[in-house]
Amino acid sequence: MLFILNKVDSFLIPCPFKYLTALDCPGCGFQRSMIELCKGNFQESFQLYPPAILFLFSLAVGISSYIFKWDRNSNWLKLLYVATGLVIVVNYGYKILIHQLH
């Protein structure tokens, strides 16, 4: 399995937003973060894309709520989605700010 994860870098999908604007998009780093997460490198995964683990958790909870027919309008589920979006936006703002300073 590790052999496959070491070779997957050559199959990453390029970001069209970054290609056109030379700026990272809100999701840039997610693919590399997932590869590191699959390798068990949690710290490296977090450094590449901090919202990755929270996004995966939100995705798992959302899918579970659909499968198990939980209340999809519950406040805690909405709060989880908003928190995930907020972390993504803050991370993106930080990336843009750092890019402007260099």
C-alpha atoms as a PDB file:
ATOM      1  CA  MET A   1       0.000   0.000   0.000  1.00  0.00           C
ATOM      2  CA  LEU A   2       2.827   2.395   0.830  1.00  0.00           C
ATOM      3  CA  PHE A   3       4.312   1.776  -2.629  1.00  0.00           C
ATOM      4  CA  ILE A   4       1.083   2.997  -4.224  1.00  0.00           C
ATOM      5  CA  LEU A   5       0.917   6.065  -1.966  1.00  0.00           C
ATOM      6  CA  ASN A   6       4.495   6.995  -2.886  1.00  0.00           C
ATOM      7  CA  LYS A   7       3.646   6.860  -6.627  1.00  0.00           C
ATOM      8  CA  VAL A   8       0.286   8.685  -6.454  1.00  0.00           C
ATOM      9  CA  ASP A   9       1.958  12.128  -6.539  1.00  0.00           C
ATOM     10  CA  SER A  10       2.309  11.846 -10.295  1.00  0.00           C
ATOM     11  CA  PHE A  11      -1.487  11.530 -10.693  1.00  0.00           C
ATOM     12  CA  LEU A  12      -2.565  14.641  -8.769  1.00  0.00           C
ATOM     13  CA  ILE A  13      -5.119  16.847 -10.512  1.00  0.00           C
ATOM     14  CA  PRO A  14      -3.670  20.303 -11.274  1.00  0.00           C
ATOM     15  CA  CYS A  15      -5.584  23.308  -9.973  1.00  0.00           C
ATOM     16  CA  PRO A  16      -7.050  25.385 -12.834  1.00  0.00           C
ATOM     17  CA  PHE A  17      -7.581  28.373 -10.522  1.00  0.00           C
ATOM     18  CA  LYS A  18      -3.907  28.406  -9.543  1.00  0.00           C
ATOM     19  CA  TYR A  19      -2.902  27.937 -13.179  1.00  0.00           C
ATOM     20  CA  LEU A  20      -4.939  30.977 -14.269  1.00  0.00           C
ATOM     21  CA  THR A  21      -4.302  33.309 -11.330  1.00  0.00           C
ATOM     22  CA  ALA A  22      -1.024  32.078  -9.776  1.00  0.00           C
ATOM     23  CA  LEU A  23      -2.904  32.047  -6.450  1.00  0.00           C
ATOM     24  CA  ASP A  24      -3.908  29.052  -4.388  1.00  0.00           C
ATOM     25  CA  CYS A  25      -7.609  28.204  -4.400  1.00  0.00           C
ATOM     26  CA  PRO A  26      -9.480  27.437  -1.145  1.00  0.00           C
ATOM     27  CA  GLY A  27      -8.846  23.715  -1.715  1.00  0.00           C
ATOM     28  CA  CYS A  28      -5.194  23.792  -2.772  1.00  0.00           C
ATOM     29  CA  GLY A  29      -3.220  21.317  -0.730  1.00  0.00           C
ATOM     30  CA  PHE A  30      -6.150  18.984  -0.058  1.00  0.00           C
ATOM     31  CA  GLN A  31      -4.945  16.187  -2.349  1.00  0.00           C
ATOM     32  CA  ARG A  32      -1.418  16.163  -0.903  1.00  0.00           C
ATOM     33  CA  SER A  33      -2.895  16.384   2.592  1.00  0.00           C
ATOM     34  CA  MET A  34      -5.024  13.285   1.942  1.00  0.00           C
ATOM     35  CA  ILE A  35      -1.989  11.363   0.697  1.00  0.00           C
ATOM     36  CA  GLU A  36      -0.074  12.207   3.857  1.00  0.00           C
ATOM     37  CA  LEU A  37      -3.094  11.329   5.979  1.00  0.00           C
ATOM     38  CA  CYS A  38      -3.302   7.912   4.305  1.00  0.00           C
ATOM     39  CA  LYS A  39       0.399   7.419   5.055  1.00  0.00           C
ATOM     40  CA  GLY A  40      -0.313   8.199   8.713  1.00  0.00           C
ATOM     41  CA  ASN A  41       1.579  11.509   8.699  1.00  0.00           C
ATOM     42  CA  PHE A  42      -1.013  13.574  10.580  1.00  0.00           C
ATOM     43  CA  GLN A  43       1.283  16.524  11.267  1.00  0.00           C
ATOM     44  CA  GLU A  44       2.391  16.773   7.624  1.00  0.00           C
ATOM     45  CA  SER A  45      -1.242  16.451   6.525  1.00  0.00           C
ATOM     46  CA  PHE A  46      -2.249  19.317   8.818  1.00  0.00           C
ATOM     47  CA  GLN A  47       0.601  21.509   7.575  1.00  0.00           C
ATOM     48  CA  LEU A  48      -0.383  20.953   3.943  1.00  0.00           C
ATOM     49  CA  TYR A  49      -4.092  21.705   4.438  1.00  0.00           C
ATOM     50  CA  PRO A  50      -5.352  22.387   7.988  1.00  0.00           C
ATOM     51  CA  PRO A  51      -9.112  21.998   7.238  1.00  0.00           C
ATOM     52  CA  ALA A  52      -8.685  18.492   5.747  1.00  0.00           C
ATOM     53  CA  ILE A  53      -9.463  16.448   8.858  1.00  0.00           C
ATOM     54  CA  LEU A  54     -12.416  18.651   9.866  1.00  0.00           C
ATOM     55  CA  PHE A  55     -13.731  18.472   6.284  1.00  0.00           C
ATOM     56  CA  LEU A  56     -13.509  14.664   6.276  1.00  0.00           C
ATOM     57  CA  PHE A  57     -15.241  14.530   9.666  1.00  0.00           C
ATOM     58  CA  SER A  58     -18.044  16.792   8.398  1.00  0.00           C
ATOM     59  CA  LEU A  59     -18.375  14.661   5.281  1.00  0.00           C
ATOM     60  CA  ALA A  60     -18.585  11.469   7.335  1.00  0.00           C
ATOM     61  CA  VAL A  61     -21.207  12.975   9.662  1.00  0.00           C
ATOM     62  CA  GLY A  62     -23.213  14.301   6.698  1.00  0.00           C
ATOM     63  CA  ILE A  63     -23.206  10.941   4.940  1.00  0.00           C
ATOM     64  CA  SER A  64     -24.057   9.168   8.199  1.00  0.00           C
ATOM     65  CA  SER A  65     -26.977  11.516   8.795  1.00  0.00           C
ATOM     66  CA  TYR A  66     -28.309  10.634   5.364  1.00  0.00           C
ATOM     67  CA  ILE A  67     -27.801   6.870   5.727  1.00  0.00           C
ATOM     68  CA  PHE A  68     -29.137   6.607   9.275  1.00  0.00           C
ATOM     69  CA  LYS A  69     -31.898   9.176   8.606  1.00  0.00           C
ATOM     70  CA  TRP A  70     -30.837  11.509  11.396  1.00  0.00           C
ATOM     71  CA  ASP A  71     -32.399  14.948  11.574  1.00  0.00           C
ATOM     72  CA  ARG A  72     -30.525  16.750   8.784  1.00  0.00           C
ATOM     73  CA  ASN A  73     -31.876  20.117   9.964  1.00  0.00           C
ATOM     74  CA  SER A  74     -30.429  19.832  13.463  1.00  0.00           C
ATOM     75  CA  ASN A  75     -28.529  22.798  14.831  1.00  0.00           C
ATOM     76  CA  TRP A  76     -25.385  20.802  15.687  1.00  0.00           C
ATOM     77  CA  LEU A  77     -25.109  19.556  12.096  1.00  0.00           C
ATOM     78  CA  LYS A  78     -25.520  23.073  10.715  1.00  0.00           C
ATOM     79  CA  LEU A  79     -22.957  24.342  13.223  1.00  0.00           C
ATOM     80  CA  LEU A  80     -20.495  21.657  12.099  1.00  0.00           C
ATOM     81  CA  TYR A  81     -20.907  22.664   8.455  1.00  0.00           C
ATOM     82  CA  VAL A  82     -20.542  26.366   9.250  1.00  0.00           C
ATOM     83  CA  ALA A  83     -17.446  25.702  11.380  1.00  0.00           C
ATOM     84  CA  THR A  84     -15.900  23.673   8.568  1.00  0.00           C
ATOM     85  CA  GLY A  85     -16.604  26.430   6.054  1.00  0.00           C
ATOM     86  CA  LEU A  86     -15.223  29.034   8.422  1.00  0.00           C
ATOM     87  CA  VAL A  87     -11.985  27.088   8.908  1.00  0.00           C
ATOM     88  CA  ILE A  88     -11.621  26.759   5.130  1.00  0.00           C
ATOM     89  CA  VAL A  89     -12.190  30.510   4.617  1.00  0.00           C
ATOM     90  CA  VAL A  90      -9.781  31.488   7.412  1.00  0.00           C
ATOM     91  CA  ASN A  91      -7.145  29.103   6.037  1.00  0.00           C
ATOM     92  CA  TYR A  92      -7.605  30.590   2.552  1.00  0.00           C
ATOM     93  CA  GLY A  93      -7.340  34.135   3.894  1.00  0.00           C
ATOM     94  CA  TYR A  94      -4.135  33.191   5.672  1.00  0.00           C
ATOM     95  CA  LYS A  95      -2.680  31.688   2.460  1.00  0.00           C
ATOM     96  CA  ILE A  96      -3.563  34.827   0.473  1.00  0.00           C
ATOM     97  CA  LEU A  97      -2.104  37.099   3.164  1.00  0.00           C
ATOM     98  CA  ILE A  98       1.149  35.126   3.298  1.00  0.00           C
ATOM     99  CA  HIS A  99       1.355  35.181  -0.515  1.00  0.00           C
ATOM    100  CA  GLN A 100       0.914  38.983  -0.535  1.00  0.00           C
ATOM    101  CA  LEU A 101       3.682  39.441   2.064  1.00  0.00           C
ATOM    102  CA  HIS A 102       6.237  37.516   0.018  1.00  0.00           C
END
